[in-house]
Amino acid sequence: MKALDDAGLGDKSVDAVYVAIWAAECSNTSRLLPARCVDRLSLLPAAAETIENGPASGASAVKTGCWRLPSGYYDTVLVSAVRRCVKSPVGAPLILWPP
């Protein structure tokens, strides 16, 4: 909430939330993170989307959010990124590249 206050949004609402998650396919709860963010930050009825593009997920989320603004589709978007560091059931890293 402090970040939203620092952004100077005031009474302005956030229209959409984009959350970049690397390796979200490894956890069903990761896919729910954008909706949880919207709910936790009291941003309803903002749209909530997960952006997955490997190590470029963060940049893709920013790009997606930025494309929505000049088109007029949304007036205000919130972009966030998360990296889940998890291991496979056998203990080997899921992300093998870069070595």
PDB file of N, CA and C in Angstrom:
ATOM      1  N   MET A   1       0.808  -1.185   0.000  1.00  0.00           N
ATOM      2  CA  MET A   1       0.000   0.000   0.000  1.00  0.00           C
ATOM      3  C   MET A   1       0.859   1.261   0.000  1.00  0.00           C
ATOM      4  N   LYS A   2       1.990   1.221   0.668  1.00  0.00           N
ATOM      5  CA  LYS A   2       2.870   2.393   0.707  1.00  0.00           C
ATOM      6  C   LYS A   2       3.335   2.765  -0.694  1.00  0.00           C
ATOM      7  N   ALA A   3       3.630   1.764  -1.524  1.00  0.00           N
ATOM      8  CA  ALA A   3       4.070   2.042  -2.895  1.00  0.00           C
ATOM      9  C   ALA A   3       2.971   2.747  -3.678  1.00  0.00           C
ATOM     10  N   LEU A   4       1.731   2.345  -3.478  1.00  0.00           N
ATOM     11  CA  LEU A   4       0.622   3.009  -4.163  1.00  0.00           C
ATOM     12  C   LEU A   4       0.472   4.442  -3.668  1.00  0.00           C
ATOM     13  N   ASP A   5       0.647   4.647  -2.373  1.00  0.00           N
ATOM     14  CA  ASP A   5       0.586   6.004  -1.831  1.00  0.00           C
ATOM     15  C   ASP A   5       1.734   6.862  -2.368  1.00  0.00           C
ATOM     16  N   ASP A   6       2.941   6.274  -2.426  1.00  0.00           N
ATOM     17  CA  ASP A   6       4.106   7.003  -2.940  1.00  0.00           C
ATOM     18  C   ASP A   6       3.942   7.372  -4.409  1.00  0.00           C
ATOM     19  N   ALA A   7       3.175   6.572  -5.144  1.00  0.00           N
ATOM     20  CA  ALA A   7       2.947   6.853  -6.565  1.00  0.00           C
ATOM     21  C   ALA A   7       2.002   8.036  -6.757  1.00  0.00           C
ATOM     22  N   GLY A   8       1.376   8.465  -5.677  1.00  0.00           N
ATOM     23  CA  GLY A   8       0.492   9.627  -5.766  1.00  0.00           C
ATOM     24  C   GLY A   8      -0.831   9.341  -6.443  1.00  0.00           C
ATOM     25  N   LEU A   9      -1.324   8.128  -6.315  1.00  0.00           N
ATOM     26  CA  LEU A   9      -2.589   7.788  -6.954  1.00  0.00           C
ATOM     27  C   LEU A   9      -3.775   8.488  -6.315  1.00  0.00           C
ATOM     28  N   GLY A  10      -3.686   8.769  -5.026  1.00  0.00           N
ATOM     29  CA  GLY A  10      -4.804   9.413  -4.345  1.00  0.00           C
ATOM     30  C   GLY A  10      -6.046   8.554  -4.438  1.00  0.00           C
ATOM     31  N   ASP A  11      -7.138   9.139  -4.942  1.00  0.00           N
ATOM     32  CA  ASP A  11      -8.394   8.407  -5.075  1.00  0.00           C
ATOM     33  C   ASP A  11      -8.495   7.664  -6.402  1.00  0.00           C
ATOM     34  N   LYS A  12      -7.494   7.796  -7.235  1.00  0.00           N
ATOM     35  CA  LYS A  12      -7.512   7.142  -8.540  1.00  0.00           C
ATOM     36  C   LYS A  12      -7.411   5.633  -8.371  1.00  0.00           C
ATOM     37  N   SER A  13      -8.193   4.889  -9.126  1.00  0.00           N
ATOM     38  CA  SER A  13      -8.190   3.437  -8.991  1.00  0.00           C
ATOM     39  C   SER A  13      -7.211   2.799  -9.971  1.00  0.00           C
ATOM     40  N   VAL A  14      -6.774   1.607  -9.645  1.00  0.00           N
ATOM     41  CA  VAL A  14      -5.925   0.811 -10.527  1.00  0.00           C
ATOM     42  C   VAL A  14      -6.850  -0.054 -11.375  1.00  0.00           C
ATOM     43  N   ASP A  15      -6.675   0.004 -12.699  1.00  0.00           N
ATOM     44  CA  ASP A  15      -7.556  -0.732 -13.607  1.00  0.00           C
ATOM     45  C   ASP A  15      -7.129  -2.179 -13.804  1.00  0.00           C
ATOM     46  N   ALA A  16      -5.815  -2.440 -13.717  1.00  0.00           N
ATOM     47  CA  ALA A  16      -5.325  -3.793 -13.959  1.00  0.00           C
ATOM     48  C   ALA A  16      -4.029  -4.032 -13.206  1.00  0.00           C
ATOM     49  N   VAL A  17      -3.818  -5.292 -12.828  1.00  0.00           N
ATOM     50  CA  VAL A  17      -2.595  -5.704 -12.148  1.00  0.00           C
ATOM     51  C   VAL A  17      -1.956  -6.810 -12.981  1.00  0.00           C
ATOM     52  N   TYR A  18      -0.685  -6.634 -13.326  1.00  0.00           N
ATOM     53  CA  TYR A  18       0.080  -7.644 -14.062  1.00  0.00           C
ATOM     54  C   TYR A  18       1.192  -8.137 -13.154  1.00  0.00           C
ATOM     55  N   VAL A  19       1.226  -9.429 -12.900  1.00  0.00           N
ATOM     56  CA  VAL A  19       2.249 -10.014 -12.049  1.00  0.00           C
ATOM     57  C   VAL A  19       3.072 -10.984 -12.881  1.00  0.00           C
ATOM     58  N   ALA A  20       4.357 -10.682 -13.007  1.00  0.00           N
ATOM     59  CA  ALA A  20       5.286 -11.555 -13.739  1.00  0.00           C
ATOM     60  C   ALA A  20       5.787 -12.625 -12.774  1.00  0.00           C
ATOM     61  N   ILE A  21       5.651 -13.876 -13.181  1.00  0.00           N
ATOM     62  CA  ILE A  21       6.087 -14.988 -12.333  1.00  0.00           C
ATOM     63  C   ILE A  21       6.904 -15.944 -13.184  1.00  0.00           C
ATOM     64  N   TRP A  22       8.148 -16.164 -12.776  1.00  0.00           N
ATOM     65  CA  TRP A  22       9.000 -17.132 -13.452  1.00  0.00           C
ATOM     66  C   TRP A  22       8.786 -18.473 -12.752  1.00  0.00           C
ATOM     67  N   ALA A  23       8.483 -19.507 -13.498  1.00  0.00           N
ATOM     68  CA  ALA A  23       8.239 -20.863 -12.999  1.00  0.00           C
ATOM     69  C   ALA A  23       6.913 -20.971 -12.263  1.00  0.00           C
ATOM     70  N   ALA A  24       5.897 -20.246 -12.709  1.00  0.00           N
ATOM     71  CA  ALA A  24       4.575 -20.333 -12.083  1.00  0.00           C
ATOM     72  C   ALA A  24       3.932 -21.690 -12.315  1.00  0.00           C
ATOM     73  N   GLU A  25       4.345 -22.376 -13.396  1.00  0.00           N
ATOM     74  CA  GLU A  25       3.739 -23.671 -13.698  1.00  0.00           C
ATOM     75  C   GLU A  25       4.054 -24.717 -12.643  1.00  0.00           C
ATOM     76  N   CYS A  26       5.010 -24.434 -11.786  1.00  0.00           N
ATOM     77  CA  CYS A  26       5.407 -25.389 -10.754  1.00  0.00           C
ATOM     78  C   CYS A  26       4.501 -25.350  -9.540  1.00  0.00           C
ATOM     79  N   SER A  27       3.635 -24.362  -9.462  1.00  0.00           N
ATOM     80  CA  SER A  27       2.795 -24.212  -8.280  1.00  0.00           C
ATOM     81  C   SER A  27       1.456 -23.620  -8.678  1.00  0.00           C
ATOM     82  N   ASN A  28       0.382 -24.297  -8.305  1.00  0.00           N
ATOM     83  CA  ASN A  28      -0.949 -23.775  -8.607  1.00  0.00           C
ATOM     84  C   ASN A  28      -1.223 -22.482  -7.857  1.00  0.00           C
ATOM     85  N   THR A  29      -0.650 -22.325  -6.674  1.00  0.00           N
ATOM     86  CA  THR A  29      -0.897 -21.106  -5.908  1.00  0.00           C
ATOM     87  C   THR A  29      -0.265 -19.882  -6.557  1.00  0.00           C
ATOM     88  N   SER A  30       0.806 -20.073  -7.329  1.00  0.00           N
ATOM     89  CA  SER A  30       1.446 -18.945  -8.017  1.00  0.00           C
ATOM     90  C   SER A  30       0.508 -18.322  -9.033  1.00  0.00           C
ATOM     91  N   ARG A  31      -0.278 -19.135  -9.675  1.00  0.00           N
ATOM     92  CA  ARG A  31      -1.197 -18.622 -10.692  1.00  0.00           C
ATOM     93  C   ARG A  31      -2.297 -17.752 -10.080  1.00  0.00           C
ATOM     94  N   LEU A  32      -2.557 -17.931  -8.812  1.00  0.00           N
ATOM     95  CA  LEU A  32      -3.587 -17.153  -8.135  1.00  0.00           C
ATOM     96  C   LEU A  32      -3.058 -15.836  -7.570  1.00  0.00           C
ATOM     97  N   LEU A  33      -1.755 -15.641  -7.633  1.00  0.00           N
ATOM     98  CA  LEU A  33      -1.136 -14.464  -7.018  1.00  0.00           C
ATOM     99  C   LEU A  33      -1.698 -13.135  -7.516  1.00  0.00           C
ATOM    100  N   PRO A  34      -1.900 -12.932  -8.820  1.00  0.00           N
ATOM    101  CA  PRO A  34      -2.455 -11.648  -9.261  1.00  0.00           C
ATOM    102  C   PRO A  34      -3.825 -11.358  -8.652  1.00  0.00           C
ATOM    103  N   ALA A  35      -4.700 -12.349  -8.616  1.00  0.00           N
ATOM    104  CA  ALA A  35      -6.028 -12.152  -8.023  1.00  0.00           C
ATOM    105  C   ALA A  35      -5.919 -11.877  -6.528  1.00  0.00           C
ATOM    106  N   ARG A  36      -4.988 -12.558  -5.876  1.00  0.00           N
ATOM    107  CA  ARG A  36      -4.784 -12.314  -4.446  1.00  0.00           C
ATOM    108  C   ARG A  36      -4.269 -10.901  -4.199  1.00  0.00           C
ATOM    109  N   CYS A  37      -3.401 -10.406  -5.074  1.00  0.00           N
ATOM    110  CA  CYS A  37      -2.888  -9.037  -4.944  1.00  0.00           C
ATOM    111  C   CYS A  37      -4.023  -8.026  -5.061  1.00  0.00           C
ATOM    112  N   VAL A  38      -4.874  -8.221  -6.048  1.00  0.00           N
ATOM    113  CA  VAL A  38      -6.005  -7.315  -6.250  1.00  0.00           C
ATOM    114  C   VAL A  38      -6.889  -7.303  -5.009  1.00  0.00           C
ATOM    115  N   ASP A  39      -7.162  -8.478  -4.479  1.00  0.00           N
ATOM    116  CA  ASP A  39      -8.018  -8.571  -3.304  1.00  0.00           C
ATOM    117  C   ASP A  39      -7.343  -7.977  -2.069  1.00  0.00           C
ATOM    118  N   ARG A  40      -6.081  -8.339  -1.843  1.00  0.00           N
ATOM    119  CA  ARG A  40      -5.354  -7.892  -0.647  1.00  0.00           C
ATOM    120  C   ARG A  40      -5.158  -6.372  -0.632  1.00  0.00           C
ATOM    121  N   LEU A  41      -4.943  -5.784  -1.809  1.00  0.00           N
ATOM    122  CA  LEU A  41      -4.728  -4.341  -1.902  1.00  0.00           C
ATOM    123  C   LEU A  41      -6.032  -3.561  -2.070  1.00  0.00           C
ATOM    124  N   SER A  42      -7.158  -4.277  -2.018  1.00  0.00           N
ATOM    125  CA  SER A  42      -8.488  -3.661  -2.163  1.00  0.00           C
ATOM    126  C   SER A  42      -8.603  -2.895  -3.476  1.00  0.00           C
ATOM    127  N   LEU A  43      -8.181  -3.540  -4.568  1.00  0.00           N
ATOM    128  CA  LEU A  43      -8.211  -2.906  -5.888  1.00  0.00           C
ATOM    129  C   LEU A  43      -9.374  -3.393  -6.746  1.00  0.00           C
ATOM    130  N   LEU A  44     -10.280  -4.168  -6.165  1.00  0.00           N
ATOM    131  CA  LEU A  44     -11.428  -4.666  -6.926  1.00  0.00           C
ATOM    132  C   LEU A  44     -12.194  -3.505  -7.521  1.00  0.00           C
ATOM    133  N   PRO A  45     -12.612  -3.560  -8.742  1.00  0.00           N
ATOM    134  CA  PRO A  45     -12.709  -4.670  -9.678  1.00  0.00           C
ATOM    135  C   PRO A  45     -11.580  -4.718 -10.712  1.00  0.00           C
ATOM    136  N   ALA A  46     -10.365  -4.408 -10.327  1.00  0.00           N
ATOM    137  CA  ALA A  46      -9.241  -4.410 -11.272  1.00  0.00           C
ATOM    138  C   ALA A  46      -9.025  -5.789 -11.887  1.00  0.00           C
ATOM    139  N   ALA A  47      -8.637  -5.802 -13.142  1.00  0.00           N
ATOM    140  CA  ALA A  47      -8.283  -7.046 -13.813  1.00  0.00           C
ATOM    141  C   ALA A  47      -6.968  -7.555 -13.228  1.00  0.00           C
ATOM    142  N   ALA A  48      -6.774  -8.872 -13.258  1.00  0.00           N
ATOM    143  CA  ALA A  48      -5.552  -9.470 -12.703  1.00  0.00           C
ATOM    144  C   ALA A  48      -5.040 -10.517 -13.678  1.00  0.00           C
ATOM    145  N   GLU A  49      -3.771 -10.368 -14.095  1.00  0.00           N
ATOM    146  CA  GLU A  49      -3.204 -11.305 -15.060  1.00  0.00           C
ATOM    147  C   GLU A  49      -1.811 -11.744 -14.650  1.00  0.00           C
ATOM    148  N   THR A  50      -1.522 -13.020 -14.923  1.00  0.00           N
ATOM    149  CA  THR A  50      -0.183 -13.573 -14.730  1.00  0.00           C
ATOM    150  C   THR A  50       0.553 -13.471 -16.053  1.00  0.00           C
ATOM    151  N   ILE A  51       1.784 -13.012 -16.018  1.00  0.00           N
ATOM    152  CA  ILE A  51       2.627 -12.946 -17.205  1.00  0.00           C
ATOM    153  C   ILE A  51       3.777 -13.924 -17.002  1.00  0.00           C
ATOM    154  N   GLU A  52       3.914 -14.877 -17.919  1.00  0.00           N
ATOM    155  CA  GLU A  52       4.986 -15.864 -17.845  1.00  0.00           C
ATOM    156  C   GLU A  52       5.781 -15.846 -19.144  1.00  0.00           C
ATOM    157  N   ASN A  53       7.076 -15.590 -19.029  1.00  0.00           N
ATOM    158  CA  ASN A  53       7.947 -15.601 -20.199  1.00  0.00           C
ATOM    159  C   ASN A  53       9.379 -15.905 -19.757  1.00  0.00           C
ATOM    160  N   GLY A  54       9.519 -16.934 -18.908  1.00  0.00           N
ATOM    161  CA  GLY A  54      10.837 -17.340 -18.434  1.00  0.00           C
ATOM    162  C   GLY A  54      11.575 -16.187 -17.779  1.00  0.00           C
ATOM    163  N   PRO A  55      12.865 -16.036 -18.070  1.00  0.00           N
ATOM    164  CA  PRO A  55      13.631 -14.971 -17.431  1.00  0.00           C
ATOM    165  C   PRO A  55      13.237 -13.574 -17.901  1.00  0.00           C
ATOM    166  N   ALA A  56      12.421 -13.488 -18.934  1.00  0.00           N
ATOM    167  CA  ALA A  56      11.975 -12.183 -19.429  1.00  0.00           C
ATOM    168  C   ALA A  56      10.568 -11.840 -18.945  1.00  0.00           C
ATOM    169  N   SER A  57      10.064 -12.544 -17.937  1.00  0.00           N
ATOM    170  CA  SER A  57       8.705 -12.313 -17.453  1.00  0.00           C
ATOM    171  C   SER A  57       8.494 -10.890 -16.965  1.00  0.00           C
ATOM    172  N   GLY A  58       9.450 -10.351 -16.220  1.00  0.00           N
ATOM    173  CA  GLY A  58       9.316  -8.994 -15.703  1.00  0.00           C
ATOM    174  C   GLY A  58       9.209  -7.968 -16.813  1.00  0.00           C
ATOM    175  N   ALA A  59      10.088  -8.080 -17.795  1.00  0.00           N
ATOM    176  CA  ALA A  59      10.054  -7.148 -18.925  1.00  0.00           C
ATOM    177  C   ALA A  59       8.760  -7.298 -19.718  1.00  0.00           C
ATOM    178  N   SER A  60       8.297  -8.523 -19.862  1.00  0.00           N
ATOM    179  CA  SER A  60       7.040  -8.754 -20.586  1.00  0.00           C
ATOM    180  C   SER A  60       5.850  -8.159 -19.844  1.00  0.00           C
ATOM    181  N   ALA A  61       5.872  -8.218 -18.520  1.00  0.00           N
ATOM    182  CA  ALA A  61       4.784  -7.623 -17.735  1.00  0.00           C
ATOM    183  C   ALA A  61       4.780  -6.104 -17.892  1.00  0.00           C
ATOM    184  N   VAL A  62       5.956  -5.491 -17.848  1.00  0.00           N
ATOM    185  CA  VAL A  62       6.045  -4.041 -18.041  1.00  0.00           C
ATOM    186  C   VAL A  62       5.565  -3.665 -19.441  1.00  0.00           C
ATOM    187  N   LYS A  63       6.010  -4.415 -20.436  1.00  0.00           N
ATOM    188  CA  LYS A  63       5.598  -4.157 -21.815  1.00  0.00           C
ATOM    189  C   LYS A  63       4.079  -4.276 -21.964  1.00  0.00           C
ATOM    190  N   THR A  64       3.515  -5.326 -21.393  1.00  0.00           N
ATOM    191  CA  THR A  64       2.067  -5.535 -21.491  1.00  0.00           C
ATOM    192  C   THR A  64       1.309  -4.400 -20.814  1.00  0.00           C
ATOM    193  N   GLY A  65       1.764  -4.008 -19.621  1.00  0.00           N
ATOM    194  CA  GLY A  65       1.114  -2.896 -18.926  1.00  0.00           C
ATOM    195  C   GLY A  65       1.219  -1.592 -19.690  1.00  0.00           C
ATOM    196  N   CYS A  66       2.397  -1.334 -20.244  1.00  0.00           N
ATOM    197  CA  CYS A  66       2.616  -0.091 -20.999  1.00  0.00           C
ATOM    198  C   CYS A  66       1.783  -0.036 -22.269  1.00  0.00           C
ATOM    199  N   TRP A  67       1.570  -1.158 -22.918  1.00  0.00           N
ATOM    200  CA  TRP A  67       0.757  -1.176 -24.143  1.00  0.00           C
ATOM    201  C   TRP A  67      -0.694  -0.818 -23.870  1.00  0.00           C
ATOM    202  N   ARG A  68      -1.156  -1.119 -22.680  1.00  0.00           N
ATOM    203  CA  ARG A  68      -2.567  -0.852 -22.363  1.00  0.00           C
ATOM    204  C   ARG A  68      -2.836   0.637 -22.131  1.00  0.00           C
ATOM    205  N   LEU A  69      -1.816   1.381 -21.748  1.00  0.00           N
ATOM    206  CA  LEU A  69      -2.032   2.790 -21.397  1.00  0.00           C
ATOM    207  C   LEU A  69      -2.293   3.694 -22.603  1.00  0.00           C
ATOM    208  N   PRO A  70      -1.406   3.735 -23.613  1.00  0.00           N
ATOM    209  CA  PRO A  70      -1.669   4.648 -24.737  1.00  0.00           C
ATOM    210  C   PRO A  70      -2.885   4.243 -25.573  1.00  0.00           C
ATOM    211  N   SER A  71      -3.244   2.972 -25.513  1.00  0.00           N
ATOM    212  CA  SER A  71      -4.414   2.526 -26.265  1.00  0.00           C
ATOM    213  C   SER A  71      -5.701   3.033 -25.637  1.00  0.00           C
ATOM    214  N   GLY A  72      -5.597   3.457 -24.357  1.00  0.00           N
ATOM    215  CA  GLY A  72      -6.787   3.930 -23.656  1.00  0.00           C
ATOM    216  C   GLY A  72      -7.594   2.805 -23.034  1.00  0.00           C
ATOM    217  N   TYR A  73      -7.112   1.581 -23.182  1.00  0.00           N
ATOM    218  CA  TYR A  73      -7.827   0.440 -22.609  1.00  0.00           C
ATOM    219  C   TYR A  73      -7.887   0.571 -21.095  1.00  0.00           C
ATOM    220  N   TYR A  74      -6.761   0.971 -20.476  1.00  0.00           N
ATOM    221  CA  TYR A  74      -6.698   1.234 -19.039  1.00  0.00           C
ATOM    222  C   TYR A  74      -6.050   2.593 -18.823  1.00  0.00           C
ATOM    223  N   ASP A  75      -6.392   3.218 -17.723  1.00  0.00           N
ATOM    224  CA  ASP A  75      -5.765   4.486 -17.351  1.00  0.00           C
ATOM    225  C   ASP A  75      -4.608   4.288 -16.388  1.00  0.00           C
ATOM    226  N   THR A  76      -4.712   3.275 -15.501  1.00  0.00           N
ATOM    227  CA  THR A  76      -3.690   3.024 -14.488  1.00  0.00           C
ATOM    228  C   THR A  76      -3.471   1.529 -14.346  1.00  0.00           C
ATOM    229  N   VAL A  77      -2.215   1.109 -14.421  1.00  0.00           N
ATOM    230  CA  VAL A  77      -1.896  -0.310 -14.232  1.00  0.00           C
ATOM    231  C   VAL A  77      -0.807  -0.449 -13.169  1.00  0.00           C
ATOM    232  N   LEU A  78      -0.809  -1.591 -12.507  1.00  0.00           N
ATOM    233  CA  LEU A  78       0.205  -1.928 -11.514  1.00  0.00           C
ATOM    234  C   LEU A  78       0.942  -3.157 -12.024  1.00  0.00           C
ATOM    235  N   VAL A  79       2.272  -3.079 -12.074  1.00  0.00           N
ATOM    236  CA  VAL A  79       3.086  -4.195 -12.550  1.00  0.00           C
ATOM    237  C   VAL A  79       4.000  -4.635 -11.417  1.00  0.00           C
ATOM    238  N   SER A  80       4.055  -5.942 -11.201  1.00  0.00           N
ATOM    239  CA  SER A  80       4.904  -6.501 -10.161  1.00  0.00           C
ATOM    240  C   SER A  80       5.554  -7.771 -10.706  1.00  0.00           C
ATOM    241  N   ALA A  81       6.610  -8.215 -10.046  1.00  0.00           N
ATOM    242  CA  ALA A  81       7.297  -9.430 -10.489  1.00  0.00           C
ATOM    243  C   ALA A  81       7.701 -10.278  -9.287  1.00  0.00           C
ATOM    244  N   VAL A  82       7.650 -11.596  -9.493  1.00  0.00           N
ATOM    245  CA  VAL A  82       8.006 -12.560  -8.463  1.00  0.00           C
ATOM    246  C   VAL A  82       8.825 -13.655  -9.115  1.00  0.00           C
ATOM    247  N   ARG A  83       9.840 -14.124  -8.423  1.00  0.00           N
ATOM    248  CA  ARG A  83      10.582 -15.278  -8.919  1.00  0.00           C
ATOM    249  C   ARG A  83      10.510 -16.366  -7.871  1.00  0.00           C
ATOM    250  N   ARG A  84       9.880 -17.462  -8.227  1.00  0.00           N
ATOM    251  CA  ARG A  84       9.785 -18.602  -7.316  1.00  0.00           C
ATOM    252  C   ARG A  84      10.991 -19.493  -7.535  1.00  0.00           C
ATOM    253  N   CYS A  85      11.766 -19.685  -6.520  1.00  0.00           N
ATOM    254  CA  CYS A  85      12.906 -20.583  -6.580  1.00  0.00           C
ATOM    255  C   CYS A  85      12.496 -21.891  -5.936  1.00  0.00           C
ATOM    256  N   VAL A  86      12.195 -22.857  -6.763  1.00  0.00           N
ATOM    257  CA  VAL A  86      11.742 -24.153  -6.260  1.00  0.00           C
ATOM    258  C   VAL A  86      12.589 -25.257  -6.853  1.00  0.00           C
ATOM    259  N   LYS A  87      12.515 -26.418  -6.261  1.00  0.00           N
ATOM    260  CA  LYS A  87      13.237 -27.576  -6.775  1.00  0.00           C
ATOM    261  C   LYS A  87      12.244 -28.662  -7.160  1.00  0.00           C
ATOM    262  N   SER A  88      12.654 -29.513  -8.061  1.00  0.00           N
ATOM    263  CA  SER A  88      11.804 -30.619  -8.483  1.00  0.00           C
ATOM    264  C   SER A  88      11.732 -31.649  -7.370  1.00  0.00           C
ATOM    265  N   PRO A  89      10.781 -32.590  -7.448  1.00  0.00           N
ATOM    266  CA  PRO A  89      10.661 -33.603  -6.402  1.00  0.00           C
ATOM    267  C   PRO A  89      11.933 -34.418  -6.170  1.00  0.00           C
ATOM    268  N   VAL A  90      12.774 -34.562  -7.182  1.00  0.00           N
ATOM    269  CA  VAL A  90      13.994 -35.345  -7.001  1.00  0.00           C
ATOM    270  C   VAL A  90      15.158 -34.479  -6.545  1.00  0.00           C
ATOM    271  N   GLY A  91      14.927 -33.207  -6.340  1.00  0.00           N
ATOM    272  CA  GLY A  91      15.958 -32.325  -5.819  1.00  0.00           C
ATOM    273  C   GLY A  91      16.778 -31.597  -6.865  1.00  0.00           C
ATOM    274  N   ALA A  92      16.551 -31.856  -8.144  1.00  0.00           N
ATOM    275  CA  ALA A  92      17.289 -31.173  -9.203  1.00  0.00           C
ATOM    276  C   ALA A  92      16.640 -29.816  -9.467  1.00  0.00           C
ATOM    277  N   PRO A  93      17.429 -28.790  -9.804  1.00  0.00           N
ATOM    278  CA  PRO A  93      16.835 -27.483 -10.101  1.00  0.00           C
ATOM    279  C   PRO A  93      15.921 -27.575 -11.316  1.00  0.00           C
ATOM    280  N   LEU A  94      14.806 -26.853 -11.271  1.00  0.00           N
ATOM    281  CA  LEU A  94      13.895 -26.833 -12.415  1.00  0.00           C
ATOM    282  C   LEU A  94      14.446 -25.964 -13.527  1.00  0.00           C
ATOM    283  N   ILE A  95      15.119 -24.900 -13.179  1.00  0.00           N
ATOM    284  CA  ILE A  95      15.667 -23.994 -14.172  1.00  0.00           C
ATOM    285  C   ILE A  95      17.105 -24.424 -14.442  1.00  0.00           C
ATOM    286  N   LEU A  96      17.348 -24.944 -15.617  1.00  0.00           N
ATOM    287  CA  LEU A  96      18.672 -25.456 -15.950  1.00  0.00           C
ATOM    288  C   LEU A  96      19.506 -24.462 -16.746  1.00  0.00           C
ATOM    289  N   TRP A  97      18.889 -23.420 -17.283  1.00  0.00           N
ATOM    290  CA  TRP A  97      19.599 -22.437 -18.066  1.00  0.00           C
ATOM    291  C   TRP A  97      19.330 -21.067 -17.500  1.00  0.00           C
ATOM    292  N   PRO A  98      20.267 -20.217 -17.253  1.00  0.00           N
ATOM    293  CA  PRO A  98      21.691 -20.355 -17.554  1.00  0.00           C
ATOM    294  C   PRO A  98      22.367 -21.276 -16.546  1.00  0.00           C
ATOM    295  N   PRO A  99      23.484 -21.904 -16.992  1.00  0.00           N
ATOM    296  CA  PRO A  99      24.168 -22.875 -16.125  1.00  0.00           C
ATOM    297  C   PRO A  99      24.763 -22.229 -14.893  1.00  0.00           C
TER     298      PRO A  99
END
